Amino acid sequence: MFIFKYLKMFFFLFSPSKTSVTQSTFILKKLTIFGLYLPK
């Protein structure tokens, strides 16, 4: 599952900034929705 690798990357990118926590969660939600439509 390469999607988890990208999720870890986004967590590492957005973890230092606490102000963009809501933005990171919004992006993660969009990534999960996008990942559901990807062929596995």
Protein backbone atom coordinates (compact mmCIF):
# COMPACT_ATOMS: atom_id res chain seq x y z
CA MET A 1 0.00 0.00 0.00
CA PHE A 2 1.93 3.01 -1.27
CA ILE A 3 -0.77 5.32 0.09
CA PHE A 4 0.49 4.83 3.65
CA LYS A 5 3.94 5.99 2.55
CA TYR A 6 2.47 9.26 1.30
CA LEU A 7 0.44 9.60 4.49
CA LYS A 8 3.62 9.24 6.55
CA MET A 9 5.30 11.87 4.36
CA PHE A 10 2.43 14.29 4.92
CA PHE A 11 2.52 13.61 8.66
CA PHE A 12 6.23 14.43 8.73
CA LEU A 13 5.66 17.57 6.65
CA PHE A 14 2.74 18.95 8.66
CA SER A 15 3.71 17.78 12.15
CA PRO A 16 6.12 20.65 13.00
CA SER A 17 3.55 23.36 12.27
CA LYS A 18 0.62 23.24 14.70
CA THR A 19 -1.26 25.97 12.85
CA SER A 20 -1.76 23.78 9.77
CA VAL A 21 -3.12 20.78 11.67
CA THR A 22 -6.63 21.37 10.39
CA GLN A 23 -5.29 21.90 6.87
CA SER A 24 -3.24 18.69 7.05
CA THR A 25 -6.26 16.69 8.25
CA PHE A 26 -8.31 18.15 5.39
CA ILE A 27 -5.60 17.11 2.90
CA LEU A 28 -5.36 13.67 4.50
CA LYS A 29 -9.13 13.24 4.15
CA LYS A 30 -8.93 14.20 0.48
CA LEU A 31 -6.03 11.77 0.02
CA THR A 32 -7.97 8.92 1.63
CA ILE A 33 -11.00 9.64 -0.57
CA PHE A 34 -8.71 9.82 -3.61
CA GLY A 35 -7.02 6.59 -2.52
CA LEU A 36 -10.36 4.76 -2.37
CA TYR A 37 -10.92 5.47 -6.06
CA LEU A 38 -7.43 4.30 -7.05
CA PRO A 39 -7.19 0.77 -8.50
CA LYS A 40 -5.57 -1.59 -6.03
